PDB file of N, CA and C in Angstrom:
ATOM      1  N   UNK A   1       0.842  -1.170   0.000  1.00  0.00           N
ATOM      2  CA  UNK A   1       0.000   0.000   0.000  1.00  0.00           C
ATOM      3  C   UNK A   1       0.891   1.238   0.000  1.00  0.00           C
ATOM      4  N   UNK A   2       0.597   2.180  -0.840  1.00  0.00           N
ATOM      5  CA  UNK A   2       1.314   3.449  -0.867  1.00  0.00           C
ATOM      6  C   UNK A   2       0.518   4.446  -0.036  1.00  0.00           C
ATOM      7  N   UNK A   3       1.151   4.990   1.012  1.00  0.00           N
ATOM      8  CA  UNK A   3       0.467   5.960   1.862  1.00  0.00           C
ATOM      9  C   UNK A   3       0.738   7.384   1.428  1.00  0.00           C
ATOM     10  N   UNK A   4       1.940   7.615   0.915  1.00  0.00           N
ATOM     11  CA  UNK A   4       2.350   8.961   0.541  1.00  0.00           C
ATOM     12  C   UNK A   4       3.649   8.845  -0.223  1.00  0.00           C
ATOM     13  N   UNK A   5       3.872   9.750  -1.156  1.00  0.00           N
ATOM     14  CA  UNK A   5       5.160   9.790  -1.849  1.00  0.00           C
ATOM     15  C   UNK A   5       6.150  10.519  -0.954  1.00  0.00           C
ATOM     16  N   UNK A   6       7.138   9.808  -0.431  1.00  0.00           N
ATOM     17  CA  UNK A   6       8.103  10.436   0.472  1.00  0.00           C
ATOM     18  C   UNK A   6       9.391  10.755  -0.266  1.00  0.00           C
ATOM     19  N   UNK A   7       9.989  11.880   0.098  1.00  0.00           N
ATOM     20  CA  UNK A   7      11.281  12.336  -0.407  1.00  0.00           C
ATOM     21  C   UNK A   7      11.925  13.133   0.714  1.00  0.00           C
ATOM     22  N   UNK A   8      13.160  13.540   0.498  1.00  0.00           N
ATOM     23  CA  UNK A   8      13.845  14.347   1.509  1.00  0.00           C
ATOM     24  C   UNK A   8      13.076  15.630   1.817  1.00  0.00           C
ATOM     25  N   UNK A   9      12.453  16.217   0.811  1.00  0.00           N
ATOM     26  CA  UNK A   9      11.735  17.477   0.986  1.00  0.00           C
ATOM     27  C   UNK A   9      10.549  17.342   1.950  1.00  0.00           C
ATOM     28  N   UNK A  10       9.809  16.237   1.876  1.00  0.00           N
ATOM     29  CA  UNK A  10       8.604  16.092   2.691  1.00  0.00           C
ATOM     30  C   UNK A  10       8.810  15.220   3.918  1.00  0.00           C
ATOM     31  N   UNK A  11       9.872  14.425   3.960  1.00  0.00           N
ATOM     32  CA  UNK A  11      10.161  13.604   5.132  1.00  0.00           C
ATOM     33  C   UNK A  11       9.401  12.296   5.138  1.00  0.00           C
ATOM     34  N   UNK A  12       9.566  11.565   6.220  1.00  0.00           N
ATOM     35  CA  UNK A  12       8.976  10.237   6.357  1.00  0.00           C
ATOM     36  C   UNK A  12       7.577  10.307   6.964  1.00  0.00           C
ATOM     37  N   UNK A  13       6.802   9.270   6.744  1.00  0.00           N
ATOM     38  CA  UNK A  13       5.517   9.116   7.416  1.00  0.00           C
ATOM     39  C   UNK A  13       5.815   8.661   8.833  1.00  0.00           C
ATOM     40  N   UNK A  14       5.359   9.404   9.838  1.00  0.00           N
ATOM     41  CA  UNK A  14       5.655   9.051  11.229  1.00  0.00           C
ATOM     42  C   UNK A  14       4.513   8.310  11.895  1.00  0.00           C
ATOM     43  N   UNK A  15       3.332   8.364  11.324  1.00  0.00           N
ATOM     44  CA  UNK A  15       2.207   7.644  11.900  1.00  0.00           C
ATOM     45  C   UNK A  15       0.943   7.919  11.123  1.00  0.00           C
ATOM     46  N   UNK A  16      -0.005   7.025  11.287  1.00  0.00           N
ATOM     47  CA  UNK A  16      -1.300   7.197  10.635  1.00  0.00           C
ATOM     48  C   UNK A  16      -2.402   6.822  11.615  1.00  0.00           C
ATOM     49  N   UNK A  17      -3.547   7.397  11.439  1.00  0.00           N
ATOM     50  CA  UNK A  17      -4.729   7.064  12.211  1.00  0.00           C
ATOM     51  C   UNK A  17      -5.939   7.155  11.280  1.00  0.00           C
ATOM     52  N   UNK A  18      -6.888   6.280  11.467  1.00  0.00           N
ATOM     53  CA  UNK A  18      -8.169   6.380  10.783  1.00  0.00           C
ATOM     54  C   UNK A  18      -9.061   7.240  11.663  1.00  0.00           C
ATOM     55  N   UNK A  19      -9.639   8.271  11.080  1.00  0.00           N
ATOM     56  CA  UNK A  19     -10.447   9.208  11.860  1.00  0.00           C
ATOM     57  C   UNK A  19     -11.765   9.492  11.160  1.00  0.00           C
ATOM     58  N   UNK A  20     -12.693  10.005  11.932  1.00  0.00           N
ATOM     59  CA  UNK A  20     -13.955  10.513  11.410  1.00  0.00           C
ATOM     60  C   UNK A  20     -13.916  12.032  11.461  1.00  0.00           C
ATOM     61  N   UNK A  21     -14.771  12.686  10.709  1.00  0.00           N
ATOM     62  CA  UNK A  21     -14.814  14.152  10.719  1.00  0.00           C
ATOM     63  C   UNK A  21     -15.140  14.713  12.094  1.00  0.00           C
ATOM     64  N   UNK A  22     -15.785  13.941  12.944  1.00  0.00           N
ATOM     65  CA  UNK A  22     -16.172  14.408  14.272  1.00  0.00           C
ATOM     66  C   UNK A  22     -15.059  14.224  15.310  1.00  0.00           C
ATOM     67  N   UNK A  23     -13.956  13.559  14.943  1.00  0.00           N
ATOM     68  CA  UNK A  23     -12.843  13.315  15.853  1.00  0.00           C
ATOM     69  C   UNK A  23     -11.914  14.520  15.941  1.00  0.00           C
ATOM     70  N   UNK A  24     -11.062  14.518  16.967  1.00  0.00           N
ATOM     71  CA  UNK A  24      -9.977  15.482  17.089  1.00  0.00           C
ATOM     72  C   UNK A  24      -8.659  14.718  17.089  1.00  0.00           C
ATOM     73  N   UNK A  25      -7.582  15.399  16.716  1.00  0.00           N
ATOM     74  CA  UNK A  25      -6.244  14.814  16.656  1.00  0.00           C
ATOM     75  C   UNK A  25      -5.342  15.613  17.584  1.00  0.00           C
ATOM     76  N   UNK A  26      -4.486  14.919  18.340  1.00  0.00           N
ATOM     77  CA  UNK A  26      -3.453  15.575  19.142  1.00  0.00           C
ATOM     78  C   UNK A  26      -2.103  15.045  18.684  1.00  0.00           C
ATOM     79  N   UNK A  27      -1.171  15.964  18.412  1.00  0.00           N
ATOM     80  CA  UNK A  27       0.198  15.609  18.014  1.00  0.00           C
ATOM     81  C   UNK A  27       1.144  16.230  19.031  1.00  0.00           C
ATOM     82  N   UNK A  28       2.097  15.431  19.540  1.00  0.00           N
ATOM     83  CA  UNK A  28       3.076  15.927  20.507  1.00  0.00           C
ATOM     84  C   UNK A  28       4.488  15.698  19.972  1.00  0.00           C
ATOM     85  N   UNK A  29       5.435  16.533  20.464  1.00  0.00           N
ATOM     86  CA  UNK A  29       6.830  16.410  20.049  1.00  0.00           C
ATOM     87  C   UNK A  29       7.736  16.235  21.269  1.00  0.00           C
ATOM     88  N   UNK A  30       8.973  15.858  20.993  1.00  0.00           N
ATOM     89  CA  UNK A  30       9.953  15.672  22.077  1.00  0.00           C
ATOM     90  C   UNK A  30      10.410  16.986  22.695  1.00  0.00           C
ATOM     91  N   UNK A  31      10.080  18.115  22.105  1.00  0.00           N
ATOM     92  CA  UNK A  31      10.435  19.434  22.654  1.00  0.00           C
ATOM     93  C   UNK A  31       9.264  20.086  23.372  1.00  0.00           C
ATOM     94  N   UNK A  32       8.168  19.325  23.587  1.00  0.00           N
ATOM     95  CA  UNK A  32       7.038  19.839  24.346  1.00  0.00           C
ATOM     96  C   UNK A  32       5.960  20.532  23.537  1.00  0.00           C
ATOM     97  N   UNK A  33       6.102  20.595  22.234  1.00  0.00           N
ATOM     98  CA  UNK A  33       5.072  21.212  21.404  1.00  0.00           C
ATOM     99  C   UNK A  33       3.887  20.243  21.307  1.00  0.00           C
ATOM    100  N   UNK A  34       2.688  20.753  21.504  1.00  0.00           N
ATOM    101  CA  UNK A  34       1.473  19.953  21.395  1.00  0.00           C
ATOM    102  C   UNK A  34       0.442  20.750  20.615  1.00  0.00           C
ATOM    103  N   UNK A  35      -0.194  20.093  19.648  1.00  0.00           N
ATOM    104  CA  UNK A  35      -1.282  20.743  18.925  1.00  0.00           C
ATOM    105  C   UNK A  35      -2.489  19.831  18.937  1.00  0.00           C
ATOM    106  N   UNK A  36      -3.648  20.453  18.941  1.00  0.00           N
ATOM    107  CA  UNK A  36      -4.914  19.727  18.895  1.00  0.00           C
ATOM    108  C   UNK A  36      -5.740  20.343  17.784  1.00  0.00           C
ATOM    109  N   UNK A  37      -6.319  19.508  16.943  1.00  0.00           N
ATOM    110  CA  UNK A  37      -7.079  20.016  15.799  1.00  0.00           C
ATOM    111  C   UNK A  37      -8.273  19.118  15.513  1.00  0.00           C
ATOM    112  N   UNK A  38      -9.255  19.687  14.862  1.00  0.00           N
ATOM    113  CA  UNK A  38     -10.405  18.911  14.401  1.00  0.00           C
ATOM    114  C   UNK A  38     -10.002  18.134  13.155  1.00  0.00           C
ATOM    115  N   UNK A  39     -10.388  16.881  13.081  1.00  0.00           N
ATOM    116  CA  UNK A  39     -10.084  16.073  11.899  1.00  0.00           C
ATOM    117  C   UNK A  39     -10.735  16.668  10.653  1.00  0.00           C
ATOM    118  N   UNK A  40     -11.867  17.317  10.821  1.00  0.00           N
ATOM    119  CA  UNK A  40     -12.566  17.917   9.684  1.00  0.00           C
ATOM    120  C   UNK A  40     -11.792  19.091   9.074  1.00  0.00           C
ATOM    121  N   UNK A  41     -10.805  19.639   9.805  1.00  0.00           N
ATOM    122  CA  UNK A  41      -9.996  20.748   9.298  1.00  0.00           C
ATOM    123  C   UNK A  41      -8.812  20.281   8.449  1.00  0.00           C
ATOM    124  N   UNK A  42      -8.590  18.973   8.367  1.00  0.00           N
ATOM    125  CA  UNK A  42      -7.465  18.426   7.602  1.00  0.00           C
ATOM    126  C   UNK A  42      -7.910  18.193   6.169  1.00  0.00           C
ATOM    127  N   UNK A  43      -7.140  18.718   5.217  1.00  0.00           N
ATOM    128  CA  UNK A  43      -7.474  18.565   3.805  1.00  0.00           C
ATOM    129  C   UNK A  43      -7.423  17.105   3.391  1.00  0.00           C
ATOM    130  N   UNK A  44      -8.387  16.707   2.584  1.00  0.00           N
ATOM    131  CA  UNK A  44      -8.402  15.356   2.021  1.00  0.00           C
ATOM    132  C   UNK A  44      -7.852  15.468   0.609  1.00  0.00           C
ATOM    133  N   UNK A  45      -6.788  14.713   0.346  1.00  0.00           N
ATOM    134  CA  UNK A  45      -6.127  14.780  -0.947  1.00  0.00           C
ATOM    135  C   UNK A  45      -6.257  13.459  -1.672  1.00  0.00           C
ATOM    136  N   UNK A  46      -5.967  13.492  -2.954  1.00  0.00           N
ATOM    137  CA  UNK A  46      -5.934  12.260  -3.728  1.00  0.00           C
ATOM    138  C   UNK A  46      -4.797  11.364  -3.279  1.00  0.00           C
ATOM    139  N   UNK A  47      -4.795  10.120  -3.710  1.00  0.00           N
ATOM    140  CA  UNK A  47      -3.812   9.155  -3.226  1.00  0.00           C
ATOM    141  C   UNK A  47      -2.427   9.348  -3.813  1.00  0.00           C
ATOM    142  N   UNK A  48      -2.266  10.153  -4.841  1.00  0.00           N
ATOM    143  CA  UNK A  48      -0.970  10.328  -5.483  1.00  0.00           C
ATOM    144  C   UNK A  48      -0.371  11.695  -5.144  1.00  0.00           C
ATOM    145  N   UNK A  49      -0.344  12.033  -3.858  1.00  0.00           N
ATOM    146  CA  UNK A  49       0.131  13.346  -3.417  1.00  0.00           C
ATOM    147  C   UNK A  49       1.292  13.188  -2.447  1.00  0.00           C
ATOM    148  N   UNK A  50       1.804  14.318  -1.976  1.00  0.00           N
ATOM    149  CA  UNK A  50       2.910  14.295  -1.022  1.00  0.00           C
ATOM    150  C   UNK A  50       2.440  14.571   0.400  1.00  0.00           C
ATOM    151  N   UNK A  51       1.151  14.521   0.662  1.00  0.00           N
ATOM    152  CA  UNK A  51       0.648  14.646   2.019  1.00  0.00           C
ATOM    153  C   UNK A  51       0.274  16.066   2.416  1.00  0.00           C
ATOM    154  N   UNK A  52      -0.133  16.201   3.672  1.00  0.00           N
ATOM    155  CA  UNK A  52      -0.559  17.470   4.258  1.00  0.00           C
ATOM    156  C   UNK A  52       0.269  17.706   5.503  1.00  0.00           C
ATOM    157  N   UNK A  53       0.832  18.902   5.647  1.00  0.00           N
ATOM    158  CA  UNK A  53       1.611  19.232   6.846  1.00  0.00           C
ATOM    159  C   UNK A  53       0.638  19.579   7.967  1.00  0.00           C
ATOM    160  N   UNK A  54       0.752  18.857   9.073  1.00  0.00           N
ATOM    161  CA  UNK A  54      -0.110  19.109  10.229  1.00  0.00           C
ATOM    162  C   UNK A  54       0.612  19.860  11.332  1.00  0.00           C
ATOM    163  N   UNK A  55       1.944  19.790  11.365  1.00  0.00           N
ATOM    164  CA  UNK A  55       2.736  20.450  12.402  1.00  0.00           C
ATOM    165  C   UNK A  55       4.069  20.859  11.785  1.00  0.00           C
ATOM    166  N   UNK A  56       4.569  22.019  12.182  1.00  0.00           N
ATOM    167  CA  UNK A  56       5.877  22.490  11.732  1.00  0.00           C
ATOM    168  C   UNK A  56       6.886  22.226  12.844  1.00  0.00           C
ATOM    169  N   UNK A  57       7.950  21.503  12.523  1.00  0.00           N
ATOM    170  CA  UNK A  57       8.961  21.118  13.507  1.00  0.00           C
ATOM    171  C   UNK A  57      10.244  21.909  13.318  1.00  0.00           C
ATOM    172  N   UNK A  58      10.969  22.116  14.411  1.00  0.00           N
ATOM    173  CA  UNK A  58      12.324  22.651  14.336  1.00  0.00           C
ATOM    174  C   UNK A  58      13.231  21.548  13.799  1.00  0.00           C
ATOM    175  N   UNK A  59      14.415  21.881  13.281  1.00  0.00           N
ATOM    176  CA  UNK A  59      15.281  20.862  12.678  1.00  0.00           C
ATOM    177  C   UNK A  59      15.628  19.690  13.602  1.00  0.00           C
ATOM    178  N   UNK A  60      15.745  19.914  14.907  1.00  0.00           N
ATOM    179  CA  UNK A  60      16.124  18.837  15.829  1.00  0.00           C
ATOM    180  C   UNK A  60      14.924  18.265  16.598  1.00  0.00           C
ATOM    181  N   UNK A  61      13.713  18.575  16.171  1.00  0.00           N
ATOM    182  CA  UNK A  61      12.498  18.154  16.870  1.00  0.00           C
ATOM    183  C   UNK A  61      11.872  16.943  16.180  1.00  0.00           C
ATOM    184  N   UNK A  62      11.286  16.045  16.973  1.00  0.00           N
ATOM    185  CA  UNK A  62      10.648  14.845  16.433  1.00  0.00           C
ATOM    186  C   UNK A  62       9.255  14.672  17.025  1.00  0.00           C
ATOM    187  N   UNK A  63       8.340  14.121  16.217  1.00  0.00           N
ATOM    188  CA  UNK A  63       7.006  13.794  16.704  1.00  0.00           C
ATOM    189  C   UNK A  63       7.118  12.573  17.603  1.00  0.00           C
ATOM    190  N   UNK A  64       6.512  12.654  18.795  1.00  0.00           N
ATOM    191  CA  UNK A  64       6.558  11.540  19.741  1.00  0.00           C
ATOM    192  C   UNK A  64       5.207  10.862  19.928  1.00  0.00           C
ATOM    193  N   UNK A  65       4.137  11.494  19.506  1.00  0.00           N
ATOM    194  CA  UNK A  65       2.833  10.873  19.679  1.00  0.00           C
ATOM    195  C   UNK A  65       1.768  11.469  18.796  1.00  0.00           C
ATOM    196  N   UNK A  66       0.856  10.607  18.386  1.00  0.00           N
ATOM    197  CA  UNK A  66      -0.321  11.016  17.619  1.00  0.00           C
ATOM    198  C   UNK A  66      -1.505  10.308  18.266  1.00  0.00           C
ATOM    199  N   UNK A  67      -2.532  11.054  18.647  1.00  0.00           N
ATOM    200  CA  UNK A  67      -3.696  10.450  19.290  1.00  0.00           C
ATOM    201  C   UNK A  67      -4.970  10.929  18.615  1.00  0.00           C
ATOM    202  N   UNK A  68      -5.918  10.032  18.522  1.00  0.00           N
ATOM    203  CA  UNK A  68      -7.250  10.336  18.005  1.00  0.00           C
ATOM    204  C   UNK A  68      -8.186  10.419  19.198  1.00  0.00           C
ATOM    205  N   UNK A  69      -8.973  11.485  19.273  1.00  0.00           N
ATOM    206  CA  UNK A  69      -9.976  11.619  20.317  1.00  0.00           C
ATOM    207  C   UNK A  69     -11.336  11.554  19.635  1.00  0.00           C
ATOM    208  N   UNK A  70     -12.073  10.497  19.944  1.00  0.00           N
ATOM    209  CA  UNK A  70     -13.375  10.272  19.316  1.00  0.00           C
ATOM    210  C   UNK A  70     -14.466  10.991  20.084  1.00  0.00           C
ATOM    211  N   UNK A  71     -15.422  11.528  19.357  1.00  0.00           N
ATOM    212  CA  UNK A  71     -16.572  12.151  19.993  1.00  0.00           C
ATOM    213  C   UNK A  71     -17.443  11.047  20.575  1.00  0.00           C
ATOM    214  N   UNK A  72     -17.823  11.179  21.836  1.00  0.00           N
ATOM    215  CA  UNK A  72     -18.615  10.142  22.495  1.00  0.00           C
ATOM    216  C   UNK A  72     -20.107  10.421  22.438  1.00  0.00           C
ATOM    217  N   UNK A  73     -20.478  11.661  22.222  1.00  0.00           N
ATOM    218  CA  UNK A  73     -21.880  12.012  22.251  1.00  0.00           C
ATOM    219  C   UNK A  73     -22.365  12.359  23.650  1.00  0.00           C
ATOM    220  N   UNK A  74     -21.554  12.028  24.665  1.00  0.00           N
ATOM    221  CA  UNK A  74     -21.869  12.333  26.055  1.00  0.00           C
ATOM    222  C   UNK A  74     -20.803  13.293  26.560  1.00  0.00           C
ATOM    223  N   UNK A  75     -21.151  14.557  26.736  1.00  0.00           N
ATOM    224  CA  UNK A  75     -20.175  15.576  27.112  1.00  0.00           C
ATOM    225  C   UNK A  75     -19.529  15.328  28.473  1.00  0.00           C
ATOM    226  N   UNK A  76     -20.163  14.533  29.338  1.00  0.00           N
ATOM    227  CA  UNK A  76     -19.614  14.267  30.666  1.00  0.00           C
ATOM    228  C   UNK A  76     -18.746  13.016  30.720  1.00  0.00           C
ATOM    229  N   UNK A  77     -18.753  12.213  29.662  1.00  0.00           N
ATOM    230  CA  UNK A  77     -17.992  10.956  29.668  1.00  0.00           C
ATOM    231  C   UNK A  77     -16.526  11.239  29.353  1.00  0.00           C
ATOM    232  N   UNK A  78     -15.594  10.568  30.059  1.00  0.00           N
ATOM    233  CA  UNK A  78     -14.169  10.747  29.759  1.00  0.00           C
ATOM    234  C   UNK A  78     -13.836  10.141  28.396  1.00  0.00           C
ATOM    235  N   UNK A  79     -12.902  10.765  27.687  1.00  0.00           N
ATOM    236  CA  UNK A  79     -12.502  10.295  26.367  1.00  0.00           C
ATOM    237  C   UNK A  79     -11.033   9.960  26.419  1.00  0.00           C
ATOM    238  N   UNK A  80     -10.667   8.746  26.066  1.00  0.00           N
ATOM    239  CA  UNK A  80      -9.265   8.315  26.092  1.00  0.00           C
ATOM    240  C   UNK A  80      -8.749   8.210  24.666  1.00  0.00           C
ATOM    241  N   UNK A  81      -7.508   8.673  24.412  1.00  0.00           N
ATOM    242  CA  UNK A  81      -6.926   8.547  23.066  1.00  0.00           C
ATOM    243  C   UNK A  81      -6.587   7.091  22.776  1.00  0.00           C
ATOM    244  N   UNK A  82      -6.482   6.781  21.485  1.00  0.00           N
ATOM    245  CA  UNK A  82      -6.043   5.455  21.068  1.00  0.00           C
ATOM    246  C   UNK A  82      -4.578   5.282  21.391  1.00  0.00           C
ATOM    247  N   UNK A  83      -4.156   4.087  21.710  1.00  0.00           N
ATOM    248  CA  UNK A  83      -2.747   3.812  21.969  1.00  0.00           C
ATOM    249  C   UNK A  83      -2.026   3.605  20.645  1.00  0.00           C
ATOM    250  N   UNK A  84      -0.766   4.022  20.581  1.00  0.00           N
ATOM    251  CA  UNK A  84       0.040   3.854  19.365  1.00  0.00           C
ATOM    252  C   UNK A  84       0.339   2.418  19.111  1.00  0.00           C
TER     253      UNK A  84
END
């Protein structure tokens, strides 16, 4: 399966998650940067592309985690991210 065309310019695929438009994504780095975004805000591209940048890293920074937070429909229920 081809997930993305990788080259030095775009870098390696560090992880993938299957998400729904109602989910949120959290990405963390080894330098403490954390971002949270709605899955619906991520562009959907054709299969023959170079991907979508979700986070901008410093040259010595690495992604350490990617988590999907699913909508439960119950605002009071705790939501746990998927394990890598």
